[in-house]
């Protein structure tokens, strides 16, 4: 796909870029090649390709779910302005 200088100026305006007249052919060539590559990728047959999160067969190593510090709820709630039933009470902020 070949872009015209007018299209490059329009794209530059939308991107809030100020291009010098001598830069327009360079951008036209670069963007045309990018659009060409996107067109090639669009034509690739991917119907039988299964989506994957990672190209290698790896499993995430997870640590054991264990508490690492003691429960200090009562200590923290003694400093809170308002507590009820083990919960912190805060002012309503919905307008």
Protein backbone atom coordinates (compact mmCIF):
# COMPACT_ATOMS: atom_id res chain seq x y z
CA UNK A 1 0.00 0.00 0.00
CA UNK A 2 1.50 3.29 -1.04
CA UNK A 3 0.57 6.43 0.87
CA UNK A 4 0.27 9.80 -0.79
CA UNK A 5 1.89 12.96 0.62
CA UNK A 6 -1.61 14.25 1.45
CA UNK A 7 -2.32 11.11 3.52
CA UNK A 8 1.02 11.52 5.34
CA UNK A 9 0.15 15.13 6.15
CA UNK A 10 -3.24 14.01 7.47
CA UNK A 11 -1.67 11.29 9.65
CA UNK A 12 0.91 13.79 10.95
CA UNK A 13 -1.88 16.24 11.80
CA UNK A 14 -3.81 13.56 13.71
CA UNK A 15 -0.62 12.59 15.58
CA UNK A 16 0.09 16.27 16.28
CA UNK A 17 3.43 16.06 14.45
CA UNK A 18 4.99 18.88 12.50
CA UNK A 19 6.73 17.46 9.42
CA UNK A 20 9.06 19.34 7.14
CA UNK A 21 8.30 18.93 3.42
CA UNK A 22 11.52 16.96 2.88
CA UNK A 23 10.50 14.45 5.60
CA UNK A 24 7.19 13.51 3.94
CA UNK A 25 8.68 11.07 1.36
CA UNK A 26 10.67 9.31 4.09
CA UNK A 27 7.56 8.85 6.22
CA UNK A 28 5.52 7.79 3.21
CA UNK A 29 8.06 5.06 2.40
CA UNK A 30 8.36 3.88 6.02
CA UNK A 31 4.62 3.76 6.68
CA UNK A 32 3.94 2.09 3.33
CA UNK A 33 6.42 -0.68 4.21
CA UNK A 34 4.84 -1.08 7.66
CA UNK A 35 1.37 -1.38 6.12
CA UNK A 36 2.77 -3.90 3.63
CA UNK A 37 4.12 -6.03 6.48
CA UNK A 38 0.78 -5.83 8.29
CA UNK A 39 -0.90 -6.98 5.05
CA UNK A 40 1.44 -9.97 4.85
CA UNK A 41 0.67 -10.90 8.45
CA UNK A 42 -3.05 -10.54 7.74
CA UNK A 43 -2.78 -13.07 4.91
CA UNK A 44 -1.09 -15.69 7.12
CA UNK A 45 -3.22 -18.80 7.73
CA UNK A 46 -3.86 -18.88 11.49
CA UNK A 47 -7.18 -20.75 11.67
CA UNK A 48 -5.53 -23.94 12.96
CA UNK A 49 -3.12 -22.21 15.36
CA UNK A 50 -3.96 -22.64 19.02
CA UNK A 51 -3.55 -19.50 21.16
CA UNK A 52 -0.81 -19.68 23.76
CA UNK A 53 0.48 -17.56 26.59
CA UNK A 54 4.13 -18.48 26.03
CA UNK A 55 5.98 -20.08 23.11
CA UNK A 56 7.69 -22.61 25.41
CA UNK A 57 6.07 -25.36 27.44
CA UNK A 58 6.72 -23.90 30.89
CA UNK A 59 4.83 -23.99 34.16
CA UNK A 60 4.84 -21.11 36.61
CA UNK A 61 6.55 -22.08 39.84
CA UNK A 62 4.42 -20.95 42.77
CA UNK A 63 5.45 -20.61 46.38
CA UNK A 64 3.46 -22.23 49.14
CA UNK A 65 0.57 -20.07 50.39
CA UNK A 66 1.70 -19.61 53.98
CA UNK A 67 1.32 -16.68 56.38
CA UNK A 68 4.69 -15.04 56.96
CA UNK A 69 3.74 -12.51 59.64
CA UNK A 70 1.53 -12.82 62.71
CA UNK A 71 -2.07 -11.57 62.73
CA UNK A 72 -2.02 -8.11 64.35
CA UNK A 73 -5.61 -7.08 63.61
CA UNK A 74 -6.47 -6.11 67.19
CA UNK A 75 -3.32 -3.98 67.49
CA UNK A 76 -4.11 -2.07 64.30
CA UNK A 77 -7.80 -1.65 65.11
CA UNK A 78 -6.99 -0.12 68.50
CA UNK A 79 -5.53 2.84 66.56
CA UNK A 80 -8.48 3.19 64.17
CA UNK A 81 -11.02 5.98 64.80
CA UNK A 82 -14.03 3.66 64.30
CA UNK A 83 -14.27 -0.13 64.24
CA UNK A 84 -17.31 -2.39 64.30
CA UNK A 85 -17.36 -6.18 64.11
CA UNK A 86 -13.69 -6.35 63.14
CA UNK A 87 -14.17 -3.91 60.24
CA UNK A 88 -12.90 -0.37 59.80
CA UNK A 89 -15.69 2.20 59.50
CA UNK A 90 -15.04 5.06 57.07
CA UNK A 91 -17.12 8.06 55.99
CA UNK A 92 -19.47 7.54 53.06
CA UNK A 93 -18.03 9.26 49.98
CA UNK A 94 -20.72 8.53 47.38
CA UNK A 95 -22.36 11.74 46.21
